[in-house]
Protein backbone atom coordinates (compact mmCIF):
# COMPACT_ATOMS: atom_id res chain seq x y z
CA UNK A 1 -28.94 -42.96 61.17
CA UNK A 2 -27.87 -45.98 58.54
CA UNK A 3 -29.57 -43.20 56.21
CA UNK A 4 -27.23 -40.89 57.40
CA UNK A 5 -23.87 -42.44 57.37
CA UNK A 6 -24.69 -43.98 53.79
CA UNK A 7 -24.78 -40.07 52.69
CA UNK A 8 -21.89 -39.71 54.56
CA UNK A 9 -19.53 -42.78 53.09
CA UNK A 10 -20.62 -41.51 49.53
CA UNK A 11 -19.85 -37.76 50.06
CA UNK A 12 -15.77 -38.10 49.35
CA UNK A 13 -16.84 -40.06 45.96
CA UNK A 14 -19.21 -37.11 44.94
CA UNK A 15 -16.37 -34.11 45.96
CA UNK A 16 -14.34 -36.20 44.07
CA UNK A 17 -16.68 -36.67 40.95
CA UNK A 18 -16.93 -32.44 41.48
CA UNK A 19 -13.38 -31.51 40.92
CA UNK A 20 -12.86 -33.80 37.86
CA UNK A 21 -15.93 -32.29 36.14
CA UNK A 22 -14.40 -28.74 37.16
CA UNK A 23 -11.35 -29.46 35.09
CA UNK A 24 -12.83 -31.09 32.22
CA UNK A 25 -14.76 -27.65 32.27
CA UNK A 26 -11.96 -25.24 32.18
CA UNK A 27 -10.19 -27.77 29.84
CA UNK A 28 -12.97 -27.39 27.72
CA UNK A 29 -13.52 -23.68 28.31
CA UNK A 30 -9.53 -23.48 27.43
CA UNK A 31 -10.11 -24.99 23.81
CA UNK A 32 -12.84 -22.49 23.20
CA UNK A 33 -11.03 -19.63 23.57
CA UNK A 34 -8.47 -20.93 21.37
CA UNK A 35 -11.19 -20.86 19.02
CA UNK A 36 -12.58 -17.16 19.28
CA UNK A 37 -11.15 -14.13 17.98
CA UNK A 38 -8.50 -12.77 20.09
CA UNK A 39 -9.17 -9.21 20.82
CA UNK A 40 -8.00 -6.29 18.19
CA UNK A 41 -5.04 -4.27 19.80
CA UNK A 42 -4.83 -1.00 20.41
CA UNK A 43 -3.07 1.20 17.67
CA UNK A 44 0.34 2.11 18.58
CA UNK A 45 0.55 5.33 17.03
CA UNK A 46 3.81 6.17 18.42
CA UNK A 47 5.62 3.08 17.91
CA UNK A 48 5.53 3.59 13.70
CA UNK A 49 5.18 6.03 10.68
CA UNK A 50 3.67 3.26 8.52
CA UNK A 51 0.44 1.00 9.14
CA UNK A 52 -1.50 -1.72 6.81
CA UNK A 53 -5.00 -1.77 7.48
CA UNK A 54 -5.81 -5.59 8.61
CA UNK A 55 -8.83 -7.70 8.82
CA UNK A 56 -9.40 -11.03 10.33
CA UNK A 57 -12.33 -12.78 11.69
CA UNK A 58 -14.76 -9.84 10.99
CA UNK A 59 -12.51 -7.46 13.25
CA UNK A 60 -10.09 -4.48 11.75
CA UNK A 61 -7.24 -2.67 13.05
CA UNK A 62 -3.98 -0.92 12.10
CA UNK A 63 -0.93 -3.25 12.08
CA UNK A 64 2.41 -1.12 12.23
CA UNK A 65 4.65 -1.83 9.86
CA UNK A 66 7.83 -2.40 11.48
CA UNK A 67 10.03 -2.11 8.94
CA UNK A 68 8.80 0.33 6.66
CA UNK A 69 10.86 0.55 3.16
CA UNK A 70 13.31 3.42 3.07
CA UNK A 71 14.29 5.13 0.20
CA UNK A 72 15.35 8.91 -0.43
CA UNK A 73 13.86 11.32 -3.10
CA UNK A 74 17.44 11.22 -4.67
CA UNK A 75 17.85 7.70 -5.17
CA UNK A 76 14.98 7.59 -7.48
CA UNK A 77 16.56 9.10 -11.19
CA UNK A 78 15.05 9.58 -14.28
CA UNK A 79 11.78 10.62 -12.64
CA UNK A 80 12.69 14.26 -11.54
CA UNK A 81 9.45 16.09 -12.56
CA UNK A 82 7.22 13.34 -10.88
CA UNK A 83 9.33 13.81 -7.89
CA UNK A 84 8.70 17.49 -8.00
CA UNK A 85 4.87 17.02 -8.29
CA UNK A 86 5.00 14.25 -5.24
CA UNK A 87 7.07 16.44 -3.04
CA UNK A 88 5.29 19.33 -3.72
CA UNK A 89 2.15 18.15 -3.05
CA UNK A 90 3.16 16.00 -0.11
CA UNK A 91 4.73 19.00 1.36
CA UNK A 92 1.65 21.36 1.23
CA UNK A 93 0.07 18.62 3.18
CA UNK A 94 1.89 18.25 5.92
CA UNK A 95 2.20 21.75 6.47
CA UNK A 96 -1.80 22.07 6.93
CA UNK A 97 -1.81 24.16 3.22
CA UNK A 98 -4.45 22.52 0.84
CA UNK A 99 -3.19 19.70 -1.15
CA UNK A 100 -4.77 16.86 -3.93
CA UNK A 101 -5.28 12.96 -3.84
CA UNK A 102 -2.46 11.56 -6.22
CA UNK A 103 -2.86 9.48 -9.02
CA UNK A 104 0.29 7.63 -10.06
CA UNK A 105 0.10 5.85 -13.55
CA UNK A 106 2.53 4.46 -16.39
CA UNK A 107 4.95 1.95 -17.16
CA UNK A 108 5.94 -0.55 -14.53
CA UNK A 109 8.68 -0.53 -12.52
CA UNK A 110 9.78 3.14 -12.96
CA UNK A 111 9.19 3.94 -9.70
CA UNK A 112 5.63 4.87 -8.72
CA UNK A 113 5.28 3.30 -5.38
CA UNK A 114 8.99 4.18 -4.63
CA UNK A 115 8.18 7.84 -4.45
CA UNK A 116 5.58 7.26 -1.89
CA UNK A 117 7.67 5.83 0.33
CA UNK A 118 10.38 8.57 -0.55
CA UNK A 119 7.76 10.73 0.33
CA UNK A 120 6.90 9.12 3.74
CA UNK A 121 10.87 9.13 4.59
CA UNK A 122 11.49 12.80 3.90
CA UNK A 123 8.35 14.03 5.74
CA UNK A 124 7.67 11.70 8.94
CA UNK A 125 9.91 13.81 11.14
CA UNK A 126 6.79 16.17 9.85
CA UNK A 127 4.01 13.90 11.41
CA UNK A 128 3.56 12.06 8.12
CA UNK A 129 1.79 8.38 8.14
CA UNK A 130 1.13 6.23 5.50
CA UNK A 131 -1.64 3.22 5.83
CA UNK A 132 -1.51 0.40 3.47
CA UNK A 133 -4.67 -0.41 1.92
CA UNK A 134 -5.12 -3.41 -0.42
CA UNK A 135 -7.45 -3.39 -3.06
CA UNK A 136 -10.26 -5.22 -1.41
CA UNK A 137 -10.31 -3.22 1.92
CA UNK A 138 -11.06 -0.10 0.24
CA UNK A 139 -14.79 -0.40 1.29
CA UNK A 140 -13.47 0.11 4.50
CA UNK A 141 -12.41 3.92 3.83
CA UNK A 142 -14.79 5.39 5.98
CA UNK A 143 -14.09 3.64 9.26
CA UNK A 144 -10.23 4.56 8.23
CA UNK A 145 -11.00 8.34 7.88
CA UNK A 146 -12.77 8.36 11.22
CA UNK A 147 -10.21 6.41 13.02
CA UNK A 148 -7.45 8.85 12.09
CA UNK A 149 -9.40 12.00 12.21
CA UNK A 150 -8.96 12.68 15.83
CA UNK A 151 -5.27 12.58 15.17
CA UNK A 152 -2.42 15.13 14.94
CA UNK A 153 -0.69 13.32 12.09
CA UNK A 154 -1.03 13.68 8.66
CA UNK A 155 -1.85 10.47 6.75
CA UNK A 156 -2.10 8.89 3.47
CA UNK A 157 -3.94 6.27 2.37
CA UNK A 158 -1.62 4.11 -0.13
CA UNK A 159 -3.24 1.37 -2.29
CA UNK A 160 -0.60 0.06 -5.13
CA UNK A 161 -1.45 -1.81 -8.13
CA UNK A 162 -4.84 -0.56 -7.91
CA UNK A 163 -7.64 -1.35 -10.75
CA UNK A 164 -10.63 -2.68 -11.05
CA UNK A 165 -13.24 -4.11 -12.86
CA UNK A 166 -17.01 -2.14 -12.48
CA UNK A 167 -18.92 -4.95 -9.89
CA UNK A 168 -16.34 -4.70 -7.46
CA UNK A 169 -17.19 -3.41 -4.05
CA UNK A 170 -13.80 -1.12 -3.77
CA UNK A 171 -14.52 1.02 -6.59
CA UNK A 172 -17.89 2.65 -5.90
CA UNK A 173 -16.39 2.84 -2.43
CA UNK A 174 -13.15 4.68 -3.64
CA UNK A 175 -15.20 7.17 -5.81
CA UNK A 176 -17.34 7.92 -2.60
CA UNK A 177 -14.10 8.73 -0.72
CA UNK A 178 -12.47 10.86 -3.06
CA UNK A 179 -15.59 13.01 -4.11
CA UNK A 180 -19.17 11.85 -3.56
CA UNK A 181 -19.91 11.86 -0.08
CA UNK A 182 -22.32 14.57 1.64
CA UNK A 183 -19.47 14.18 4.22
CA UNK A 184 -16.77 16.58 4.15
CA UNK A 185 -13.52 14.74 3.55
CA UNK A 186 -10.98 14.58 6.56
CA UNK A 187 -8.47 17.10 6.52
CA UNK A 188 -5.49 15.07 7.48
CA UNK A 189 -5.86 12.03 4.96
CA UNK A 190 -5.50 11.80 1.53
CA UNK A 191 -5.18 8.53 -0.87
CA UNK A 192 -2.35 8.03 -3.47
CA UNK A 193 -2.53 5.50 -5.76
CA UNK A 194 -0.36 3.65 -8.11
CA UNK A 195 -1.97 2.17 -11.22
CA UNK A 196 -0.63 0.97 -14.75
CA UNK A 197 -3.77 1.98 -16.01
CA UNK A 198 -4.66 5.67 -16.47
CA UNK A 199 -8.10 4.73 -15.74
CA UNK A 200 -7.57 2.03 -13.20
CA UNK A 201 -10.18 -0.21 -15.28
CA UNK A 202 -9.66 -2.37 -18.66
CA UNK A 203 -10.58 -0.98 -21.62
CA UNK A 204 -12.70 -3.01 -24.26
CA UNK A 205 -12.84 -2.42 -28.13
CA UNK A 206 -16.44 -2.48 -27.86
CA UNK A 207 -16.70 0.73 -25.72
CA UNK A 208 -15.19 2.48 -29.11
CA UNK A 209 -18.53 1.81 -30.70
CA UNK A 210 -20.36 4.02 -27.78
CA UNK A 211 -18.62 7.24 -29.15
CA UNK A 212 -20.85 9.68 -31.03
CA UNK A 213 -19.62 12.86 -33.15
CA UNK A 214 -21.46 15.87 -32.58
CA UNK A 215 -20.24 18.60 -35.30
CA UNK A 216 -16.56 18.27 -35.34
CA UNK A 217 -16.36 17.02 -32.06
CA UNK A 218 -16.44 13.53 -30.32
CA UNK A 219 -17.76 12.71 -26.91
CA UNK A 220 -17.36 9.23 -25.47
CA UNK A 221 -20.11 7.23 -24.48
CA UNK A 222 -21.35 6.06 -21.19
CA UNK A 223 -19.29 3.25 -20.56
CA UNK A 224 -16.18 5.16 -20.70
CA UNK A 225 -17.07 8.50 -19.11
CA UNK A 226 -18.31 5.93 -15.81
CA UNK A 227 -14.92 5.01 -15.96
CA UNK A 228 -13.11 8.49 -16.85
CA UNK A 229 -15.47 9.92 -13.68
CA UNK A 230 -13.02 7.96 -10.94
CA UNK A 231 -9.58 8.60 -11.95
CA UNK A 232 -11.06 12.61 -12.24
CA UNK A 233 -11.84 12.77 -8.73
CA UNK A 234 -7.87 12.83 -8.25
CA UNK A 235 -6.56 16.07 -7.96
CA UNK A 236 -2.87 15.32 -9.19
CA UNK A 237 -2.09 13.15 -12.20
CA UNK A 238 1.62 12.00 -12.29
CA UNK A 239 2.51 10.02 -15.57
CA UNK A 240 5.19 7.52 -15.77
CA UNK A 241 6.93 6.51 -18.74
CA UNK A 242 9.73 3.63 -20.21
CA UNK A 243 12.91 4.65 -19.74
CA UNK A 244 15.54 4.60 -22.71
CA UNK A 245 18.95 2.94 -22.68
CA UNK A 246 20.83 6.42 -21.22
CA UNK A 247 18.29 6.59 -18.73
CA UNK A 248 18.55 3.16 -17.56
CA UNK A 249 22.32 2.68 -17.36
CA UNK A 250 22.32 5.87 -15.53
CA UNK A 251 19.98 4.10 -12.85
CA UNK A 252 22.44 1.41 -12.13
CA UNK A 253 25.54 3.22 -12.26
CA UNK A 254 23.82 5.01 -9.72
CA UNK A 255 22.76 2.04 -7.51
CA UNK A 256 26.46 0.43 -8.35
CA UNK A 257 27.92 3.34 -6.61
CA UNK A 258 25.49 2.85 -3.68
CA UNK A 259 26.90 -0.67 -3.03
CA UNK A 260 30.48 0.79 -2.93
CA UNK A 261 31.35 0.15 -6.73
CA UNK A 262 33.35 2.64 -8.73
CA UNK A 263 32.81 4.32 -11.74
CA UNK A 264 35.36 2.05 -13.57
CA UNK A 265 32.95 -1.15 -12.47
CA UNK A 266 30.10 0.50 -13.84
CA UNK A 267 31.48 1.14 -16.98
CA UNK A 268 32.85 -2.57 -17.14
CA UNK A 269 28.75 -3.72 -15.76
CA UNK A 270 27.14 -2.15 -19.26
CA UNK A 271 27.33 -4.88 -21.32
CA UNK A 272 25.82 -6.88 -18.66
CA UNK A 273 22.89 -4.43 -17.45
CA UNK A 274 21.88 -4.21 -20.77
CA UNK A 275 22.01 -8.15 -21.09
CA UNK A 276 19.90 -8.40 -17.64
CA UNK A 277 17.18 -5.95 -19.26
CA UNK A 278 16.90 -7.78 -22.53
CA UNK A 279 16.22 -10.95 -21.01
CA UNK A 280 13.26 -9.45 -19.13
CA UNK A 281 12.04 -7.30 -21.63
CA UNK A 282 12.28 -3.90 -19.80
CA UNK A 283 14.62 -1.30 -19.05
CA UNK A 284 13.17 0.31 -15.47
CA UNK A 285 14.10 1.51 -12.36
CA UNK A 286 13.38 -1.66 -10.95
CA UNK A 287 15.39 -4.10 -13.34
CA UNK A 288 18.10 -1.52 -12.88
CA UNK A 289 18.07 -1.87 -8.76
CA UNK A 290 17.46 -5.98 -9.34
CA UNK A 291 20.79 -6.12 -11.69
CA UNK A 292 22.95 -3.99 -9.70
CA UNK A 293 22.18 -6.10 -6.14
CA UNK A 294 23.23 -9.33 -8.20
CA UNK A 295 26.54 -7.53 -10.16
CA UNK A 296 27.48 -6.29 -6.58
CA UNK A 297 26.79 -9.17 -4.65
CA UNK A 298 28.61 -11.50 -7.00
CA UNK A 299 31.56 -9.12 -6.81
CA UNK A 300 31.32 -8.81 -2.53
CA UNK A 301 30.50 -5.68 -2.45
CA UNK A 302 27.83 -3.49 -0.39
CA UNK A 303 25.03 -4.92 1.95
CA UNK A 304 21.51 -5.89 1.81
CA UNK A 305 20.14 -2.63 3.03
CA UNK A 306 18.28 -0.66 0.67
């Protein structure tokens, strides 16, 4: 009996210790859960027209872009031929006709990436979607293609300002995705890329020493052939050149009108627009847009919406 009484007397203390232990365990689990990777969200296919391929803690998923950059084909000035090529190729794609992967190369600020944004703006109602992929994530192209293959929409994988060193893993992955895998390409996916380099890779003086002549013909060396082989896998090349002064001023006038300024204001802005371009060492559509924002803003005209 004495032993039984002693056990009974210590029972409340044991229960209290157990409750404290449970509370500490719950707190510890809460901290551990905070350190664990969060579950990857399901893709909200119907909630967006543009997505970004994201990676975190080894998990990869498509993140909807809540406010994609809207720009119309008509807003792009001085690149009529380039617009026609991209618009026609994209129209073929969204209507289920054969279409090509596209490489847009050339002078900076001339509208390469804006053309892709304009294509999305023009054709999203017909099922076009864009997935923005950074260069380092191009190794995931097979996973992206597999993810979108069952979908009814048409997808453009967009990689902006693309360039490689030969050792980068994305270089080989892109070559295979474009044309080089035994697996047939997904019929609802194309790749649009922009670059300031025609062949997407740096060119070195020593590579000229590899060229050889066969009769009257000049043949590039293996290094140059390797670099050319990547850009050749894009079926459509669209080239851009710097704007001359008149083209630049015409683009300035277009954007000033967009911000509500009349022709007289555009004429008065010519001198400032030229000085603005001179200070940046470039007459481009991007510089024209930046000047128009600055000029209109200083005069209290227009809004920040593009």
